[in-house]
């Protein structure tokens, strides 16, 4: 569905809300960096601390993930995580109306030319995560204009914020936003053309539990992961890359890709997802405050699966 079709479904009041939100965001994105990150961000951080935003969820997730850390260490990670969340909010709003002229203000891709040359003419999949500002990842389309980037996402419940994020991510004509349920259908329509297709999936969310869901040991807990990336890779023989992320400064990140499947080799079932899980855990362990701990990641338990069988 095109952005305009979604917006046409909004009521007048919803369109007014959307336009006010978009106008504010566009103005905010052009404020000096010191205003956004040294005045506004501390205020958002203070507000998150004041309302104790999902404090219990964050602490429980951290306690279970890092049983060897002291209570003081866990609280420090929580406070740093609040700072990260405040920065991500500023990062996200700052993307309103961004084009190719401002792309390097936010993100840099390591070994970009080598990576593009390696995948010239080929489709590929990148498995990302809610680590750092995940909204930056779709900016890849601005760095590789000869490919089409398909950003797979979960639709939001609020139609106003759904349209807002669709506008926000509309960086260039070669970037498509596709709901997860339409991912395979969209790829089948697009594949085989003269432009390589890049499928970008954030794979660390909590998926629906199925009778055949596979469990991985992740951060000391039994965890279910989305396996759509693996299924697409095996079905269409597409290489898969893990998205490594490093924060290089306030509102700035460096990203690089590591191939975890070449698109041809025979692998055991769930092996590609397992490689993703291993690298994600290692990245989180190095700098845990950058991951989204406020997400109720472990709602599913093994005994829930037995009810489905």
C-alpha atoms as a PDB file:
ATOM      1  CA  UNK A   1       0.000   0.000   0.000  1.00  0.00           C
ATOM      2  CA  UNK A   2       1.368   3.393  -0.946  1.00  0.00           C
ATOM      3  CA  UNK A   3       1.753   6.093   1.653  1.00  0.00           C
ATOM      4  CA  UNK A   4      -0.920   8.264   0.008  1.00  0.00           C
ATOM      5  CA  UNK A   5      -3.484   5.444   0.149  1.00  0.00           C
ATOM      6  CA  UNK A   6      -2.968   5.054   3.882  1.00  0.00           C
ATOM      7  CA  UNK A   7      -3.280   8.769   4.468  1.00  0.00           C
ATOM      8  CA  UNK A   8      -6.477   8.936   2.421  1.00  0.00           C
ATOM      9  CA  UNK A   9      -8.058   6.609   4.986  1.00  0.00           C
ATOM     10  CA  UNK A  10      -7.395   9.017   7.836  1.00  0.00           C
ATOM     11  CA  UNK A  11     -10.149  11.200   9.226  1.00  0.00           C
ATOM     12  CA  UNK A  12      -9.742  14.974   9.023  1.00  0.00           C
ATOM     13  CA  UNK A  13      -8.744  15.088  12.682  1.00  0.00           C
ATOM     14  CA  UNK A  14      -6.138  12.366  12.123  1.00  0.00           C
ATOM     15  CA  UNK A  15      -4.733  14.185   9.089  1.00  0.00           C
ATOM     16  CA  UNK A  16      -4.438  17.339  11.147  1.00  0.00           C
ATOM     17  CA  UNK A  17      -2.563  15.427  13.856  1.00  0.00           C
ATOM     18  CA  UNK A  18      -0.281  13.877  11.237  1.00  0.00           C
ATOM     19  CA  UNK A  19       0.523  17.202   9.574  1.00  0.00           C
ATOM     20  CA  UNK A  20       1.182  18.906  12.902  1.00  0.00           C
ATOM     21  CA  UNK A  21       3.465  16.050  13.968  1.00  0.00           C
ATOM     22  CA  UNK A  22       5.271  16.082  10.637  1.00  0.00           C
ATOM     23  CA  UNK A  23       5.672  19.851  10.625  1.00  0.00           C
ATOM     24  CA  UNK A  24       7.116  19.803  14.135  1.00  0.00           C
ATOM     25  CA  UNK A  25       9.509  16.972  13.229  1.00  0.00           C
ATOM     26  CA  UNK A  26      10.765  18.697  10.064  1.00  0.00           C
ATOM     27  CA  UNK A  27      11.439  21.866  12.033  1.00  0.00           C
ATOM     28  CA  UNK A  28      13.115  19.920  14.821  1.00  0.00           C
ATOM     29  CA  UNK A  29      15.367  18.035  12.388  1.00  0.00           C
ATOM     30  CA  UNK A  30      16.901  21.307  11.202  1.00  0.00           C
ATOM     31  CA  UNK A  31      17.706  22.646  14.658  1.00  0.00           C
ATOM     32  CA  UNK A  32      21.422  22.783  15.513  1.00  0.00           C
ATOM     33  CA  UNK A  33      22.785  19.482  16.833  1.00  0.00           C
ATOM     34  CA  UNK A  34      23.674  21.049  20.191  1.00  0.00           C
ATOM     35  CA  UNK A  35      20.028  22.008  20.710  1.00  0.00           C
ATOM     36  CA  UNK A  36      18.724  18.553  19.825  1.00  0.00           C
ATOM     37  CA  UNK A  37      21.290  16.482  21.681  1.00  0.00           C
ATOM     38  CA  UNK A  38      22.446  18.743  24.509  1.00  0.00           C
ATOM     39  CA  UNK A  39      19.209  20.501  25.419  1.00  0.00           C
ATOM     40  CA  UNK A  40      16.280  18.348  24.287  1.00  0.00           C
ATOM     41  CA  UNK A  41      17.783  14.897  24.857  1.00  0.00           C
ATOM     42  CA  UNK A  42      18.577  15.518  28.579  1.00  0.00           C
ATOM     43  CA  UNK A  43      14.975  16.667  29.076  1.00  0.00           C
ATOM     44  CA  UNK A  44      13.642  13.459  27.520  1.00  0.00           C
ATOM     45  CA  UNK A  45      16.050  11.426  29.654  1.00  0.00           C
ATOM     46  CA  UNK A  46      14.833  13.217  32.796  1.00  0.00           C
ATOM     47  CA  UNK A  47      11.202  12.572  31.820  1.00  0.00           C
ATOM     48  CA  UNK A  48      11.862   8.853  31.292  1.00  0.00           C
ATOM     49  CA  UNK A  49      13.537   8.659  34.681  1.00  0.00           C
ATOM     50  CA  UNK A  50      10.732  10.616  36.351  1.00  0.00           C
ATOM     51  CA  UNK A  51       7.940   8.405  35.022  1.00  0.00           C
ATOM     52  CA  UNK A  52      10.088   5.301  35.588  1.00  0.00           C
ATOM     53  CA  UNK A  53       9.362   4.154  32.032  1.00  0.00           C
ATOM     54  CA  UNK A  54       9.012   0.356  32.057  1.00  0.00           C
ATOM     55  CA  UNK A  55      11.565   0.253  34.852  1.00  0.00           C
ATOM     56  CA  UNK A  56      10.407  -3.120  36.130  1.00  0.00           C
ATOM     57  CA  UNK A  57      10.479  -4.695  32.659  1.00  0.00           C
ATOM     58  CA  UNK A  58      13.992  -3.394  32.028  1.00  0.00           C
ATOM     59  CA  UNK A  59      15.361  -4.568  35.367  1.00  0.00           C
ATOM     60  CA  UNK A  60      13.800  -8.034  35.129  1.00  0.00           C
ATOM     61  CA  UNK A  61      15.179  -8.486  31.598  1.00  0.00           C
ATOM     62  CA  UNK A  62      18.634  -7.379  32.739  1.00  0.00           C
ATOM     63  CA  UNK A  63      18.618  -9.547  35.889  1.00  0.00           C
ATOM     64  CA  UNK A  64      17.755 -12.655  33.886  1.00  0.00           C
ATOM     65  CA  UNK A  65      20.187 -11.862  31.093  1.00  0.00           C
ATOM     66  CA  UNK A  66      23.170 -11.024  33.296  1.00  0.00           C
ATOM     67  CA  UNK A  67      22.855 -13.061  36.529  1.00  0.00           C
ATOM     68  CA  UNK A  68      26.543 -12.498  37.303  1.00  0.00           C
ATOM     69  CA  UNK A  69      26.238  -8.711  37.470  1.00  0.00           C
ATOM     70  CA  UNK A  70      25.577  -6.881  40.731  1.00  0.00           C
ATOM     71  CA  UNK A  71      22.453  -4.833  41.384  1.00  0.00           C
ATOM     72  CA  UNK A  72      24.552  -1.666  41.065  1.00  0.00           C
ATOM     73  CA  UNK A  73      25.880  -2.731  37.655  1.00  0.00           C
ATOM     74  CA  UNK A  74      22.375  -3.560  36.436  1.00  0.00           C
ATOM     75  CA  UNK A  75      21.023  -0.178  37.554  1.00  0.00           C
ATOM     76  CA  UNK A  76      23.884   1.543  35.735  1.00  0.00           C
ATOM     77  CA  UNK A  77      22.982  -0.313  32.524  1.00  0.00           C
ATOM     78  CA  UNK A  78      19.338   0.679  33.046  1.00  0.00           C
ATOM     79  CA  UNK A  79      20.232   4.379  33.422  1.00  0.00           C
ATOM     80  CA  UNK A  80      22.458   4.195  30.334  1.00  0.00           C
ATOM     81  CA  UNK A  81      19.623   2.474  28.513  1.00  0.00           C
ATOM     82  CA  UNK A  82      17.318   5.375  29.371  1.00  0.00           C
ATOM     83  CA  UNK A  83      19.941   7.705  27.864  1.00  0.00           C
ATOM     84  CA  UNK A  84      20.027   5.544  24.746  1.00  0.00           C
ATOM     85  CA  UNK A  85      16.237   5.606  24.470  1.00  0.00           C
ATOM     86  CA  UNK A  86      16.203   9.404  24.860  1.00  0.00           C
ATOM     87  CA  UNK A  87      18.848   9.671  22.149  1.00  0.00           C
ATOM     88  CA  UNK A  88      16.920   7.301  19.849  1.00  0.00           C
ATOM     89  CA  UNK A  89      13.826   9.497  20.206  1.00  0.00           C
ATOM     90  CA  UNK A  90      15.859  12.542  19.172  1.00  0.00           C
ATOM     91  CA  UNK A  91      17.573  10.523  16.414  1.00  0.00           C
ATOM     92  CA  UNK A  92      14.252   9.385  14.993  1.00  0.00           C
ATOM     93  CA  UNK A  93      12.599  12.805  14.925  1.00  0.00           C
ATOM     94  CA  UNK A  94      15.778  14.238  13.389  1.00  0.00           C
ATOM     95  CA  UNK A  95      15.298  12.009  10.345  1.00  0.00           C
ATOM     96  CA  UNK A  96      12.207  13.888   9.150  1.00  0.00           C
ATOM     97  CA  UNK A  97      12.764  15.075   5.595  1.00  0.00           C
ATOM     98  CA  UNK A  98      16.328  13.749   5.429  1.00  0.00           C
ATOM     99  CA  UNK A  99      17.857  13.184   1.989  1.00  0.00           C
ATOM    100  CA  UNK A 100      21.172  12.081   0.533  1.00  0.00           C
ATOM    101  CA  UNK A 101      22.795  15.419   1.404  1.00  0.00           C
ATOM    102  CA  UNK A 102      22.523  14.682   5.152  1.00  0.00           C
ATOM    103  CA  UNK A 103      22.967  10.899   5.247  1.00  0.00           C
ATOM    104  CA  UNK A 104      26.487  10.924   6.699  1.00  0.00           C
ATOM    105  CA  UNK A 105      25.323  13.124   9.565  1.00  0.00           C
ATOM    106  CA  UNK A 106      23.714  10.002  11.020  1.00  0.00           C
ATOM    107  CA  UNK A 107      25.407   6.839   9.813  1.00  0.00           C
ATOM    108  CA  UNK A 108      28.483   5.489   8.072  1.00  0.00           C
ATOM    109  CA  UNK A 109      28.819   2.067   6.435  1.00  0.00           C
ATOM    110  CA  UNK A 110      32.208   0.441   6.823  1.00  0.00           C
ATOM    111  CA  UNK A 111      33.794  -1.043   3.661  1.00  0.00           C
ATOM    112  CA  UNK A 112      30.755   0.083   1.678  1.00  0.00           C
ATOM    113  CA  UNK A 113      32.332  -0.023  -1.796  1.00  0.00           C
ATOM    114  CA  UNK A 114      33.712  -3.531  -1.217  1.00  0.00           C
ATOM    115  CA  UNK A 115      30.344  -4.744   0.033  1.00  0.00           C
ATOM    116  CA  UNK A 116      28.466  -3.308  -2.951  1.00  0.00           C
ATOM    117  CA  UNK A 117      30.998  -4.820  -5.375  1.00  0.00           C
ATOM    118  CA  UNK A 118      30.719  -8.229  -3.684  1.00  0.00           C
ATOM    119  CA  UNK A 119      26.936  -8.261  -4.130  1.00  0.00           C
ATOM    120  CA  UNK A 120      26.744  -6.513  -7.502  1.00  0.00           C
ATOM    121  CA  UNK A 121      23.694  -7.801  -9.363  1.00  0.00           C
ATOM    122  CA  UNK A 122      22.645 -10.072  -6.469  1.00  0.00           C
ATOM    123  CA  UNK A 123      19.762  -9.963  -4.047  1.00  0.00           C
ATOM    124  CA  UNK A 124      20.689 -10.245  -0.370  1.00  0.00           C
ATOM    125  CA  UNK A 125      19.164 -10.193   3.091  1.00  0.00           C
ATOM    126  CA  UNK A 126      20.356  -8.191   6.083  1.00  0.00           C
ATOM    127  CA  UNK A 127      19.228  -9.196   9.580  1.00  0.00           C
ATOM    128  CA  UNK A 128      19.301  -6.195  11.923  1.00  0.00           C
ATOM    129  CA  UNK A 129      18.096  -5.606  15.490  1.00  0.00           C
ATOM    130  CA  UNK A 130      16.772  -2.998  17.928  1.00  0.00           C
ATOM    131  CA  UNK A 131      20.293  -1.961  18.786  1.00  0.00           C
ATOM    132  CA  UNK A 132      21.145   1.712  18.737  1.00  0.00           C
ATOM    133  CA  UNK A 133      18.881   3.763  16.500  1.00  0.00           C
ATOM    134  CA  UNK A 134      17.353   1.106  14.272  1.00  0.00           C
ATOM    135  CA  UNK A 135      15.579   3.777  12.208  1.00  0.00           C
ATOM    136  CA  UNK A 136      18.980   4.680  10.719  1.00  0.00           C
ATOM    137  CA  UNK A 137      19.380   1.324   8.967  1.00  0.00           C
ATOM    138  CA  UNK A 138      17.036   2.091   6.072  1.00  0.00           C
ATOM    139  CA  UNK A 139      19.294   4.997   5.148  1.00  0.00           C
ATOM    140  CA  UNK A 140      21.383   2.330   3.391  1.00  0.00           C
ATOM    141  CA  UNK A 141      19.203   2.955   0.342  1.00  0.00           C
ATOM    142  CA  UNK A 142      20.724   6.442   0.058  1.00  0.00           C
ATOM    143  CA  UNK A 143      24.237   4.942  -0.108  1.00  0.00           C
ATOM    144  CA  UNK A 144      23.382   2.290  -2.733  1.00  0.00           C
ATOM    145  CA  UNK A 145      21.045   3.951  -5.258  1.00  0.00           C
ATOM    146  CA  UNK A 146      21.506   1.158  -7.828  1.00  0.00           C
ATOM    147  CA  UNK A 147      19.674  -1.334  -5.591  1.00  0.00           C
ATOM    148  CA  UNK A 148      16.156  -1.426  -4.173  1.00  0.00           C
ATOM    149  CA  UNK A 149      15.981  -1.612  -0.380  1.00  0.00           C
ATOM    150  CA  UNK A 150      12.906  -3.350   1.064  1.00  0.00           C
ATOM    151  CA  UNK A 151      12.412  -2.381   4.699  1.00  0.00           C
ATOM    152  CA  UNK A 152      10.190  -5.000   6.333  1.00  0.00           C
ATOM    153  CA  UNK A 153       8.270  -3.694   9.349  1.00  0.00           C
ATOM    154  CA  UNK A 154       5.406  -4.380  11.744  1.00  0.00           C
ATOM    155  CA  UNK A 155       2.449  -2.002  11.230  1.00  0.00           C
ATOM    156  CA  UNK A 156       1.573   0.192  14.224  1.00  0.00           C
ATOM    157  CA  UNK A 157      -1.804   0.251  15.899  1.00  0.00           C
ATOM    158  CA  UNK A 158      -2.100   4.014  15.624  1.00  0.00           C
ATOM    159  CA  UNK A 159      -2.948   5.037  12.031  1.00  0.00           C
ATOM    160  CA  UNK A 160      -1.468   8.493  12.647  1.00  0.00           C
ATOM    161  CA  UNK A 161       1.909   7.144  13.784  1.00  0.00           C
ATOM    162  CA  UNK A 162       1.804   4.507  11.050  1.00  0.00           C
ATOM    163  CA  UNK A 163       1.567   7.253   8.429  1.00  0.00           C
ATOM    164  CA  UNK A 164       4.140   9.372  10.274  1.00  0.00           C
ATOM    165  CA  UNK A 165       6.734   6.590  10.203  1.00  0.00           C
ATOM    166  CA  UNK A 166       5.935   5.873   6.565  1.00  0.00           C
ATOM    167  CA  UNK A 167       6.728   9.500   5.771  1.00  0.00           C
ATOM    168  CA  UNK A 168       9.814   9.415   7.955  1.00  0.00           C
ATOM    169  CA  UNK A 169      11.301   6.398   6.139  1.00  0.00           C
ATOM    170  CA  UNK A 170      10.489   7.667   2.664  1.00  0.00           C
ATOM    171  CA  UNK A 171      14.084   8.758   2.083  1.00  0.00           C
ATOM    172  CA  UNK A 172      14.422   7.882  -1.607  1.00  0.00           C
ATOM    173  CA  UNK A 173      12.497   6.252  -4.497  1.00  0.00           C
ATOM    174  CA  UNK A 174      14.562   3.046  -4.177  1.00  0.00           C
ATOM    175  CA  UNK A 175      13.358   2.428  -0.605  1.00  0.00           C
ATOM    176  CA  UNK A 176      10.144   0.428  -0.150  1.00  0.00           C
ATOM    177  CA  UNK A 177       8.353  -0.102   3.159  1.00  0.00           C
ATOM    178  CA  UNK A 178       6.627  -3.469   3.299  1.00  0.00           C
ATOM    179  CA  UNK A 179       4.577  -4.949   6.172  1.00  0.00           C
ATOM    180  CA  UNK A 180       5.912  -8.326   7.288  1.00  0.00           C
ATOM    181  CA  UNK A 181       2.835 -10.238   6.080  1.00  0.00           C
ATOM    182  CA  UNK A 182       3.357  -8.875   2.547  1.00  0.00           C
ATOM    183  CA  UNK A 183       7.121  -9.447   2.447  1.00  0.00           C
ATOM    184  CA  UNK A 184       7.196 -12.641   0.345  1.00  0.00           C
ATOM    185  CA  UNK A 185       4.533 -11.404  -2.060  1.00  0.00           C
ATOM    186  CA  UNK A 186       6.387  -8.124  -2.584  1.00  0.00           C
ATOM    187  CA  UNK A 187       9.698  -9.896  -3.167  1.00  0.00           C
ATOM    188  CA  UNK A 188       8.167 -12.290  -5.697  1.00  0.00           C
ATOM    189  CA  UNK A 189       6.842  -9.314  -7.660  1.00  0.00           C
ATOM    190  CA  UNK A 190      10.184  -7.513  -7.530  1.00  0.00           C
ATOM    191  CA  UNK A 191      12.780 -10.264  -7.976  1.00  0.00           C
ATOM    192  CA  UNK A 192      14.319 -11.045 -11.327  1.00  0.00           C
ATOM    193  CA  UNK A 193      14.442  -7.454 -12.550  1.00  0.00           C
ATOM    194  CA  UNK A 194      17.458  -5.396 -13.505  1.00  0.00           C
ATOM    195  CA  UNK A 195      17.840  -3.986  -9.970  1.00  0.00           C
ATOM    196  CA  UNK A 196      19.070  -6.079  -7.019  1.00  0.00           C
ATOM    197  CA  UNK A 197      16.626  -6.423  -4.133  1.00  0.00           C
ATOM    198  CA  UNK A 198      17.847  -5.995  -0.553  1.00  0.00           C
ATOM    199  CA  UNK A 199      15.566  -7.313   2.184  1.00  0.00           C
ATOM    200  CA  UNK A 200      16.087  -5.594   5.537  1.00  0.00           C
ATOM    201  CA  UNK A 201      14.553  -7.368   8.518  1.00  0.00           C
ATOM    202  CA  UNK A 202      14.757  -6.534  12.228  1.00  0.00           C
ATOM    203  CA  UNK A 203      14.778 -10.072  13.569  1.00  0.00           C
ATOM    204  CA  UNK A 204      15.008  -9.711  17.361  1.00  0.00           C
ATOM    205  CA  UNK A 205      11.352  -9.037  18.102  1.00  0.00           C
ATOM    206  CA  UNK A 206       9.039 -11.420  19.936  1.00  0.00           C
ATOM    207  CA  UNK A 207       7.324 -13.540  17.248  1.00  0.00           C
ATOM    208  CA  UNK A 208       3.981 -15.354  17.548  1.00  0.00           C
ATOM    209  CA  UNK A 209       4.480 -18.747  19.158  1.00  0.00           C
ATOM    210  CA  UNK A 210       3.857 -21.722  16.856  1.00  0.00           C
ATOM    211  CA  UNK A 211       3.689 -25.439  17.645  1.00  0.00           C
ATOM    212  CA  UNK A 212       6.934 -25.915  15.682  1.00  0.00           C
ATOM    213  CA  UNK A 213       8.753 -22.798  16.975  1.00  0.00           C
ATOM    214  CA  UNK A 214      12.439 -23.464  17.616  1.00  0.00           C
ATOM    215  CA  UNK A 215      14.004 -22.368  20.905  1.00  0.00           C
ATOM    216  CA  UNK A 216      17.434 -20.770  21.130  1.00  0.00           C
ATOM    217  CA  UNK A 217      19.503 -20.111  24.214  1.00  0.00           C
ATOM    218  CA  UNK A 218      19.861 -16.325  24.172  1.00  0.00           C
ATOM    219  CA  UNK A 219      21.088 -14.184  27.055  1.00  0.00           C
ATOM    220  CA  UNK A 220      20.645 -17.084  29.493  1.00  0.00           C
ATOM    221  CA  UNK A 221      17.015 -17.601  28.493  1.00  0.00           C
ATOM    222  CA  UNK A 222      15.105 -19.881  26.145  1.00  0.00           C
ATOM    223  CA  UNK A 223      14.002 -17.596  23.336  1.00  0.00           C
ATOM    224  CA  UNK A 224      11.990 -17.799  20.125  1.00  0.00           C
ATOM    225  CA  UNK A 225      13.115 -15.762  17.107  1.00  0.00           C
ATOM    226  CA  UNK A 226      11.565 -14.804  13.806  1.00  0.00           C
ATOM    227  CA  UNK A 227      12.817 -17.257  11.184  1.00  0.00           C
ATOM    228  CA  UNK A 228      11.417 -15.513   8.110  1.00  0.00           C
ATOM    229  CA  UNK A 229      14.867 -14.372   6.979  1.00  0.00           C
ATOM    230  CA  UNK A 230      16.181 -17.925   7.041  1.00  0.00           C
ATOM    231  CA  UNK A 231      13.168 -19.287   5.154  1.00  0.00           C
ATOM    232  CA  UNK A 232      13.501 -16.628   2.445  1.00  0.00           C
ATOM    233  CA  UNK A 233      17.234 -17.280   2.121  1.00  0.00           C
ATOM    234  CA  UNK A 234      16.815 -21.021   1.695  1.00  0.00           C
ATOM    235  CA  UNK A 235      13.812 -20.771  -0.612  1.00  0.00           C
ATOM    236  CA  UNK A 236      15.375 -18.267  -3.005  1.00  0.00           C
ATOM    237  CA  UNK A 237      19.098 -18.985  -2.420  1.00  0.00           C
ATOM    238  CA  UNK A 238      19.893 -15.504  -1.122  1.00  0.00           C
ATOM    239  CA  UNK A 239      22.989 -14.636   0.954  1.00  0.00           C
ATOM    240  CA  UNK A 240      22.342 -13.374   4.473  1.00  0.00           C
ATOM    241  CA  UNK A 241      24.308 -10.732   6.389  1.00  0.00           C
ATOM    242  CA  UNK A 242      24.343  -9.813  10.050  1.00  0.00           C
ATOM    243  CA  UNK A 243      24.182  -6.079  10.747  1.00  0.00           C
ATOM    244  CA  UNK A 244      26.908  -5.037  13.193  1.00  0.00           C
ATOM    245  CA  UNK A 245      26.377  -1.667  14.869  1.00  0.00           C
ATOM    246  CA  UNK A 246      28.724   0.614  16.803  1.00  0.00           C
ATOM    247  CA  UNK A 247      27.875   3.984  18.322  1.00  0.00           C
ATOM    248  CA  UNK A 248      30.602   6.435  17.323  1.00  0.00           C
ATOM    249  CA  UNK A 249      29.203   9.579  18.923  1.00  0.00           C
ATOM    250  CA  UNK A 250      26.023  11.332  19.958  1.00  0.00           C
ATOM    251  CA  UNK A 251      23.441  10.469  17.310  1.00  0.00           C
ATOM    252  CA  UNK A 252      26.052   8.793  15.094  1.00  0.00           C
ATOM    253  CA  UNK A 253      26.628   5.134  14.227  1.00  0.00           C
ATOM    254  CA  UNK A 254      28.882   2.962  12.141  1.00  0.00           C
ATOM    255  CA  UNK A 255      27.472  -0.188  10.541  1.00  0.00           C
ATOM    256  CA  UNK A 256      29.104  -3.092   8.778  1.00  0.00           C
ATOM    257  CA  UNK A 257      27.827  -6.381   7.399  1.00  0.00           C
ATOM    258  CA  UNK A 258      29.080  -9.897   8.083  1.00  0.00           C
ATOM    259  CA  UNK A 259      27.969 -12.715   5.816  1.00  0.00           C
ATOM    260  CA  UNK A 260      26.425 -15.568   7.816  1.00  0.00           C
ATOM    261  CA  UNK A 261      25.077 -17.526   4.823  1.00  0.00           C
ATOM    262  CA  UNK A 262      26.354 -17.548   1.241  1.00  0.00           C
ATOM    263  CA  UNK A 263      23.055 -18.464  -0.407  1.00  0.00           C
ATOM    264  CA  UNK A 264      24.315 -21.812  -1.712  1.00  0.00           C
ATOM    265  CA  UNK A 265      25.692 -24.023   1.056  1.00  0.00           C
ATOM    266  CA  UNK A 266      23.597 -26.718   2.703  1.00  0.00           C
ATOM    267  CA  UNK A 267      22.869 -25.905   6.328  1.00  0.00           C
ATOM    268  CA  UNK A 268      20.995 -27.570   9.156  1.00  0.00           C
ATOM    269  CA  UNK A 269      17.505 -26.345   9.939  1.00  0.00           C
ATOM    270  CA  UNK A 270      17.596 -23.173  12.088  1.00  0.00           C
ATOM    271  CA  UNK A 271      21.370 -22.811  11.559  1.00  0.00           C
ATOM    272  CA  UNK A 272      21.179 -19.407   9.841  1.00  0.00           C
ATOM    273  CA  UNK A 273      18.998 -18.022  12.623  1.00  0.00           C
ATOM    274  CA  UNK A 274      21.368 -19.545  15.201  1.00  0.00           C
ATOM    275  CA  UNK A 275      24.291 -17.664  13.620  1.00  0.00           C
ATOM    276  CA  UNK A 276      22.295 -14.451  13.866  1.00  0.00           C
ATOM    277  CA  UNK A 277      21.434 -15.142  17.517  1.00  0.00           C
ATOM    278  CA  UNK A 278      25.080 -15.812  18.440  1.00  0.00           C
ATOM    279  CA  UNK A 279      26.291 -12.551  16.901  1.00  0.00           C
ATOM    280  CA  UNK A 280      23.442 -10.536  18.369  1.00  0.00           C
ATOM    281  CA  UNK A 281      24.180 -11.828  21.866  1.00  0.00           C
ATOM    282  CA  UNK A 282      27.877 -11.018  21.500  1.00  0.00           C
ATOM    283  CA  UNK A 283      27.066  -7.468  20.322  1.00  0.00           C
ATOM    284  CA  UNK A 284      24.639  -6.876  23.192  1.00  0.00           C
ATOM    285  CA  UNK A 285      27.056  -8.275  25.760  1.00  0.00           C
ATOM    286  CA  UNK A 286      29.793  -5.855  24.626  1.00  0.00           C
ATOM    287  CA  UNK A 287      27.578  -2.782  25.124  1.00  0.00           C
ATOM    288  CA  UNK A 288      24.223  -3.788  26.632  1.00  0.00           C
ATOM    289  CA  UNK A 289      22.857  -0.265  27.102  1.00  0.00           C
ATOM    290  CA  UNK A 290      22.305   0.084  23.335  1.00  0.00           C
ATOM    291  CA  UNK A 291      19.713  -2.713  23.106  1.00  0.00           C
ATOM    292  CA  UNK A 292      15.977  -2.118  23.672  1.00  0.00           C
ATOM    293  CA  UNK A 293      15.513  -3.693  27.114  1.00  0.00           C
ATOM    294  CA  UNK A 294      12.090  -2.104  27.583  1.00  0.00           C
ATOM    295  CA  UNK A 295      10.597  -4.575  25.106  1.00  0.00           C
ATOM    296  CA  UNK A 296       8.768  -7.557  26.673  1.00  0.00           C
ATOM    297  CA  UNK A 297      11.025  -9.902  24.752  1.00  0.00           C
ATOM    298  CA  UNK A 298      10.439 -13.063  26.771  1.00  0.00           C
ATOM    299  CA  UNK A 299       6.652 -13.242  27.012  1.00  0.00           C
ATOM    300  CA  UNK A 300       6.698 -16.797  25.635  1.00  0.00           C
ATOM    301  CA  UNK A 301       7.815 -19.716  27.775  1.00  0.00           C
ATOM    302  CA  UNK A 302       8.399 -23.318  26.737  1.00  0.00           C
ATOM    303  CA  UNK A 303       5.320 -24.565  28.575  1.00  0.00           C
ATOM    304  CA  UNK A 304       3.162 -22.203  26.482  1.00  0.00           C
ATOM    305  CA  UNK A 305       4.127 -24.162  23.385  1.00  0.00           C
ATOM    306  CA  UNK A 306       2.793 -27.433  24.780  1.00  0.00           C
ATOM    307  CA  UNK A 307      -0.685 -25.898  24.922  1.00  0.00           C
ATOM    308  CA  UNK A 308      -0.531 -25.308  21.167  1.00  0.00           C
ATOM    309  CA  UNK A 309       0.274 -28.929  20.333  1.00  0.00           C
END
